[in-house]
Amino acid sequence: MANLDSEELPELAAKGRFTITMGIDAVALDGQKKSGSTDRFQFFCDEPAHLGGKDEHPQPLTYVAAGVGFCLLTQLKRYAEVMRIDIDDARCRVEFDWYSTGSVRAGTIQSGATACRAHITVRAREPQADVARLVELAERGCFASQMVQSAVPMSITIDLQHVLVDTRV
C-alpha cells in the first residue's frame, strides 16, 4: 500500500491496480475552530457564529465539496495528458445537499447528504466526443466521486483517557 506522495505510485499505477491510504490528524481548538494536518500541510476550519464559531475559515463540509472538485479536476488533467487532449481551461463546481434530523438529547440525531452535483466546465479545441469521454473517465477514476457514489463503511475508535471505547455496542 502506498500514499499519494510515494515515489512508487507511478510504478504501481502502471501495473493497473494499486491502493493508497491518505489521512489527516484533526484537533479541536477554541470554539468551533479545528486544525487538520498531514506530514506537510496544516489547514483550518470553523463554523459561523450561529453554530458557535467565529467564521474565520471554511466550514468542514466545504472541504468535502472541495475534495470532490479537486479530485475530479486532478483526474481530468491526468487523463487529458494520457489521451493527448489539450485543455485550455477546466473548472468544477460541486454542491452537496446536507440534512440533519432528530435530537441529540433524545439520541435520535441523524444526518447525511441527499445529493451531490458536480458541474464541470472544460474549454478545449478537441472534438466534443473526445472531451465528453475524458470527463466520463475522470469521473470514474476520481476516488472522491466514487466514494460519494458508493458510500464506504466507516469505523470509529475512541480513546477515552487512554481506554479504548467501542461505541457500536
C-alpha atoms as a PDB file:
ATOM      1  CA  MET A   1       0.000   0.000   0.000  1.00  0.00           C
ATOM      2  CA  ALA A   2       1.332   3.456  -0.889  1.00  0.00           C
ATOM      3  CA  ASN A   3       0.366   7.013  -0.127  1.00  0.00           C
ATOM      4  CA  LEU A   4      -0.057   9.681  -2.791  1.00  0.00           C
ATOM      5  CA  ASP A   5       3.362  11.154  -2.020  1.00  0.00           C
ATOM      6  CA  SER A   6       5.065   7.829  -2.623  1.00  0.00           C
ATOM      7  CA  GLU A   7       7.675   7.652  -5.363  1.00  0.00           C
ATOM      8  CA  GLU A   8       6.377   4.108  -6.009  1.00  0.00           C
ATOM      9  CA  LEU A   9       2.971   5.358  -7.164  1.00  0.00           C
ATOM     10  CA  PRO A  10       3.703   5.733 -10.915  1.00  0.00           C
ATOM     11  CA  GLU A  11       5.177   2.226 -10.972  1.00  0.00           C
ATOM     12  CA  LEU A  12       2.189   0.800  -9.091  1.00  0.00           C
ATOM     13  CA  ALA A  13      -0.288   2.642 -11.324  1.00  0.00           C
ATOM     14  CA  ALA A  14       1.429   1.241 -14.421  1.00  0.00           C
ATOM     15  CA  LYS A  15       0.627  -2.267 -13.153  1.00  0.00           C
ATOM     16  CA  GLY A  16      -3.077  -1.470 -13.416  1.00  0.00           C
ATOM     17  CA  ARG A  17      -4.178  -1.624  -9.779  1.00  0.00           C
ATOM     18  CA  PHE A  18      -2.986  -0.034  -6.580  1.00  0.00           C
ATOM     19  CA  THR A  19      -4.324   1.062  -3.227  1.00  0.00           C
ATOM     20  CA  ILE A  20      -3.410   4.167  -1.307  1.00  0.00           C
ATOM     21  CA  THR A  21      -4.018   5.355   2.216  1.00  0.00           C
ATOM     22  CA  MET A  22      -4.424   9.026   2.974  1.00  0.00           C
ATOM     23  CA  GLY A  23      -5.324  10.622   6.272  1.00  0.00           C
ATOM     24  CA  ILE A  24      -5.167  13.725   8.392  1.00  0.00           C
ATOM     25  CA  ASP A  25      -4.869  14.442  12.095  1.00  0.00           C
ATOM     26  CA  ALA A  26      -7.626  16.794  13.258  1.00  0.00           C
ATOM     27  CA  VAL A  27      -7.558  18.746  16.520  1.00  0.00           C
ATOM     28  CA  ALA A  28     -10.415  20.684  18.150  1.00  0.00           C
ATOM     29  CA  LEU A  29      -9.282  24.202  19.063  1.00  0.00           C
ATOM     30  CA  ASP A  30     -11.195  27.123  20.626  1.00  0.00           C
ATOM     31  CA  GLY A  31     -14.922  27.364  19.894  1.00  0.00           C
ATOM     32  CA  GLN A  32     -15.658  25.518  16.661  1.00  0.00           C
ATOM     33  CA  LYS A  33     -12.226  26.066  15.118  1.00  0.00           C
ATOM     34  CA  LYS A  34     -10.339  22.911  14.153  1.00  0.00           C
ATOM     35  CA  SER A  35      -6.956  22.278  12.571  1.00  0.00           C
ATOM     36  CA  GLY A  36      -6.062  19.484  10.227  1.00  0.00           C
ATOM     37  CA  SER A  37      -2.553  18.417   9.392  1.00  0.00           C
ATOM     38  CA  THR A  38      -0.681  15.994   7.203  1.00  0.00           C
ATOM     39  CA  ASP A  39       3.042  15.414   7.095  1.00  0.00           C
ATOM     40  CA  ARG A  40       3.498  18.580   5.041  1.00  0.00           C
ATOM     41  CA  PHE A  41       0.445  20.830   5.390  1.00  0.00           C
ATOM     42  CA  GLN A  42      -1.791  22.397   8.025  1.00  0.00           C
ATOM     43  CA  PHE A  43      -5.248  23.810   7.397  1.00  0.00           C
ATOM     44  CA  PHE A  44      -8.190  25.063   9.451  1.00  0.00           C
ATOM     45  CA  CYS A  45     -11.966  25.054   9.511  1.00  0.00           C
ATOM     46  CA  ASP A  46     -14.534  26.940  11.549  1.00  0.00           C
ATOM     47  CA  GLU A  47     -18.276  27.418  11.782  1.00  0.00           C
ATOM     48  CA  PRO A  48     -20.327  30.599  11.547  1.00  0.00           C
ATOM     49  CA  ALA A  49     -21.343  32.431  14.736  1.00  0.00           C
ATOM     50  CA  HIS A  50     -24.819  30.853  14.882  1.00  0.00           C
ATOM     51  CA  LEU A  51     -23.080  27.444  15.233  1.00  0.00           C
ATOM     52  CA  GLY A  52     -20.638  28.621  17.899  1.00  0.00           C
ATOM     53  CA  GLY A  53     -17.742  29.575  15.653  1.00  0.00           C
ATOM     54  CA  LYS A  54     -16.102  32.785  14.542  1.00  0.00           C
ATOM     55  CA  ASP A  55     -16.413  32.167  10.763  1.00  0.00           C
ATOM     56  CA  GLU A  56     -12.637  32.599  10.307  1.00  0.00           C
ATOM     57  CA  HIS A  57     -12.131  29.617   7.969  1.00  0.00           C
ATOM     58  CA  PRO A  58     -14.207  27.449   5.611  1.00  0.00           C
ATOM     59  CA  GLN A  59     -16.760  25.157   7.224  1.00  0.00           C
ATOM     60  CA  PRO A  60     -15.800  21.456   7.458  1.00  0.00           C
ATOM     61  CA  LEU A  61     -18.300  20.363   4.804  1.00  0.00           C
ATOM     62  CA  THR A  62     -16.780  22.879   2.391  1.00  0.00           C
ATOM     63  CA  TYR A  63     -13.671  20.703   2.410  1.00  0.00           C
ATOM     64  CA  VAL A  64     -15.781  17.674   1.449  1.00  0.00           C
ATOM     65  CA  ALA A  65     -17.073  19.504  -1.629  1.00  0.00           C
ATOM     66  CA  ALA A  66     -13.597  20.861  -2.384  1.00  0.00           C
ATOM     67  CA  GLY A  67     -12.125  17.370  -2.162  1.00  0.00           C
ATOM     68  CA  VAL A  68     -14.561  16.078  -4.773  1.00  0.00           C
ATOM     69  CA  GLY A  69     -13.940  19.054  -7.085  1.00  0.00           C
ATOM     70  CA  PHE A  70     -10.164  18.946  -6.686  1.00  0.00           C
ATOM     71  CA  CYS A  71     -10.081  15.187  -7.270  1.00  0.00           C
ATOM     72  CA  LEU A  72     -12.268  15.426 -10.391  1.00  0.00           C
ATOM     73  CA  LEU A  73     -10.012  18.112 -11.856  1.00  0.00           C
ATOM     74  CA  THR A  74      -6.874  16.162 -10.923  1.00  0.00           C
ATOM     75  CA  GLN A  75      -8.081  13.117 -12.816  1.00  0.00           C
ATOM     76  CA  LEU A  76      -9.303  15.268 -15.711  1.00  0.00           C
ATOM     77  CA  LYS A  77      -5.841  16.821 -16.125  1.00  0.00           C
ATOM     78  CA  ARG A  78      -4.034  13.487 -15.662  1.00  0.00           C
ATOM     79  CA  TYR A  79      -6.209  11.651 -18.149  1.00  0.00           C
ATOM     80  CA  ALA A  80      -6.091  14.531 -20.644  1.00  0.00           C
ATOM     81  CA  GLU A  81      -2.337  14.028 -20.748  1.00  0.00           C
ATOM     82  CA  VAL A  82      -2.730  10.289 -21.296  1.00  0.00           C
ATOM     83  CA  MET A  83      -5.368  10.826 -24.006  1.00  0.00           C
ATOM     84  CA  ARG A  84      -3.357  13.687 -25.582  1.00  0.00           C
ATOM     85  CA  ILE A  85      -6.199  16.162 -25.209  1.00  0.00           C
ATOM     86  CA  ASP A  86      -5.138  19.786 -24.805  1.00  0.00           C
ATOM     87  CA  ILE A  87      -7.273  21.576 -22.229  1.00  0.00           C
ATOM     88  CA  ASP A  88      -7.348  25.375 -22.252  1.00  0.00           C
ATOM     89  CA  ASP A  89      -9.440  25.708 -19.080  1.00  0.00           C
ATOM     90  CA  ALA A  90     -11.124  23.341 -16.624  1.00  0.00           C
ATOM     91  CA  ARG A  91     -13.350  24.253 -13.679  1.00  0.00           C
ATOM     92  CA  CYS A  92     -15.686  22.402 -11.385  1.00  0.00           C
ATOM     93  CA  ARG A  93     -18.463  23.462  -9.041  1.00  0.00           C
ATOM     94  CA  VAL A  94     -19.552  20.860  -6.504  1.00  0.00           C
ATOM     95  CA  GLU A  95     -22.648  21.139  -4.310  1.00  0.00           C
ATOM     96  CA  PHE A  96     -23.976  18.792  -1.650  1.00  0.00           C
ATOM     97  CA  ASP A  97     -27.457  18.833  -0.138  1.00  0.00           C
ATOM     98  CA  TRP A  98     -26.997  18.029   3.550  1.00  0.00           C
ATOM     99  CA  TYR A  99     -29.700  17.267   6.118  1.00  0.00           C
ATOM    100  CA  SER A 100     -29.968  16.778   9.857  1.00  0.00           C
ATOM    101  CA  THR A 101     -32.969  15.415  11.700  1.00  0.00           C
ATOM    102  CA  GLY A 102     -33.788  14.213  15.190  1.00  0.00           C
ATOM    103  CA  SER A 103     -32.486  15.238  18.579  1.00  0.00           C
ATOM    104  CA  VAL A 104     -29.119  14.918  20.307  1.00  0.00           C
ATOM    105  CA  ARG A 105     -30.814  14.865  23.722  1.00  0.00           C
ATOM    106  CA  ALA A 106     -33.250  12.141  22.651  1.00  0.00           C
ATOM    107  CA  GLY A 107     -30.462  10.179  20.942  1.00  0.00           C
ATOM    108  CA  THR A 108     -32.274  10.270  17.592  1.00  0.00           C
ATOM    109  CA  ILE A 109     -29.919  12.564  15.658  1.00  0.00           C
ATOM    110  CA  GLN A 110     -29.282  11.524  12.058  1.00  0.00           C
ATOM    111  CA  SER A 111     -27.518  13.441   9.342  1.00  0.00           C
ATOM    112  CA  GLY A 112     -26.188  12.897   5.873  1.00  0.00           C
ATOM    113  CA  ALA A 113     -26.347  14.002   2.279  1.00  0.00           C
ATOM    114  CA  THR A 114     -29.232  13.517  -0.114  1.00  0.00           C
ATOM    115  CA  ALA A 115     -27.461  14.671  -3.277  1.00  0.00           C
ATOM    116  CA  CYS A 116     -24.148  15.692  -4.760  1.00  0.00           C
ATOM    117  CA  ARG A 117     -23.906  17.635  -8.009  1.00  0.00           C
ATOM    118  CA  ALA A 118     -20.767  18.433  -9.975  1.00  0.00           C
ATOM    119  CA  HIS A 119     -20.770  20.859 -12.887  1.00  0.00           C
ATOM    120  CA  ILE A 120     -17.566  20.562 -14.912  1.00  0.00           C
ATOM    121  CA  THR A 121     -16.658  23.221 -17.463  1.00  0.00           C
ATOM    122  CA  VAL A 122     -13.983  22.299 -19.973  1.00  0.00           C
ATOM    123  CA  ARG A 123     -12.595  24.502 -22.734  1.00  0.00           C
ATOM    124  CA  ALA A 124     -10.604  22.563 -25.317  1.00  0.00           C
ATOM    125  CA  ARG A 125     -10.025  22.641 -29.061  1.00  0.00           C
ATOM    126  CA  GLU A 126     -10.739  18.940 -29.351  1.00  0.00           C
ATOM    127  CA  PRO A 127     -13.771  17.040 -30.681  1.00  0.00           C
ATOM    128  CA  GLN A 128     -16.704  17.231 -28.277  1.00  0.00           C
ATOM    129  CA  ALA A 129     -16.982  13.424 -28.106  1.00  0.00           C
ATOM    130  CA  ASP A 130     -13.329  13.126 -27.026  1.00  0.00           C
ATOM    131  CA  VAL A 131     -13.770  15.710 -24.259  1.00  0.00           C
ATOM    132  CA  ALA A 132     -17.015  14.061 -23.092  1.00  0.00           C
ATOM    133  CA  ARG A 133     -15.203  10.700 -22.907  1.00  0.00           C
ATOM    134  CA  LEU A 134     -12.371  12.354 -20.968  1.00  0.00           C
ATOM    135  CA  VAL A 135     -14.833  13.747 -18.408  1.00  0.00           C
ATOM    136  CA  GLU A 136     -16.555  10.365 -18.095  1.00  0.00           C
ATOM    137  CA  LEU A 137     -13.239   8.601 -17.426  1.00  0.00           C
ATOM    138  CA  ALA A 138     -12.120  11.302 -14.973  1.00  0.00           C
ATOM    139  CA  GLU A 139     -15.340  10.857 -13.004  1.00  0.00           C
ATOM    140  CA  ARG A 140     -14.904   7.065 -12.969  1.00  0.00           C
ATOM    141  CA  GLY A 141     -11.284   7.449 -11.854  1.00  0.00           C
ATOM    142  CA  CYS A 142     -11.971  10.072  -9.193  1.00  0.00           C
ATOM    143  CA  PHE A 143     -11.582   8.478  -5.756  1.00  0.00           C
ATOM    144  CA  ALA A 144     -13.715  11.135  -4.055  1.00  0.00           C
ATOM    145  CA  SER A 145     -16.536  10.974  -6.589  1.00  0.00           C
ATOM    146  CA  GLN A 146     -16.647   7.196  -6.355  1.00  0.00           C
ATOM    147  CA  MET A 147     -16.642   7.343  -2.543  1.00  0.00           C
ATOM    148  CA  VAL A 148     -19.689   9.600  -2.629  1.00  0.00           C
ATOM    149  CA  GLN A 149     -21.494   7.327  -5.084  1.00  0.00           C
ATOM    150  CA  SER A 150     -20.814   4.116  -3.171  1.00  0.00           C
ATOM    151  CA  ALA A 151     -20.600   5.225   0.445  1.00  0.00           C
ATOM    152  CA  VAL A 152     -17.907   3.319   2.309  1.00  0.00           C
ATOM    153  CA  PRO A 153     -18.274   1.844   5.789  1.00  0.00           C
ATOM    154  CA  MET A 154     -16.666   3.948   8.499  1.00  0.00           C
ATOM    155  CA  SER A 155     -15.146   2.583  11.660  1.00  0.00           C
ATOM    156  CA  ILE A 156     -14.617   4.761  14.715  1.00  0.00           C
ATOM    157  CA  THR A 157     -12.457   4.018  17.731  1.00  0.00           C
ATOM    158  CA  ILE A 158     -12.470   6.270  20.784  1.00  0.00           C
ATOM    159  CA  ASP A 159      -9.558   6.765  23.163  1.00  0.00           C
ATOM    160  CA  LEU A 160     -11.201   7.998  26.374  1.00  0.00           C
ATOM    161  CA  GLN A 161      -8.479   8.799  28.890  1.00  0.00           C
ATOM    162  CA  HIS A 162      -6.259   6.070  27.390  1.00  0.00           C
ATOM    163  CA  VAL A 163      -9.029   3.464  27.373  1.00  0.00           C
ATOM    164  CA  LEU A 164     -10.419   2.325  24.010  1.00  0.00           C
ATOM    165  CA  VAL A 165     -14.194   2.533  23.979  1.00  0.00           C
ATOM    166  CA  ASP A 166     -16.413   0.780  21.409  1.00  0.00           C
ATOM    167  CA  THR A 167     -19.456   2.933  20.569  1.00  0.00           C
ATOM    168  CA  ARG A 168     -21.025   0.341  18.247  1.00  0.00           C
ATOM    169  CA  VAL A 169     -22.221  -1.961  21.049  1.00  0.00           C
END
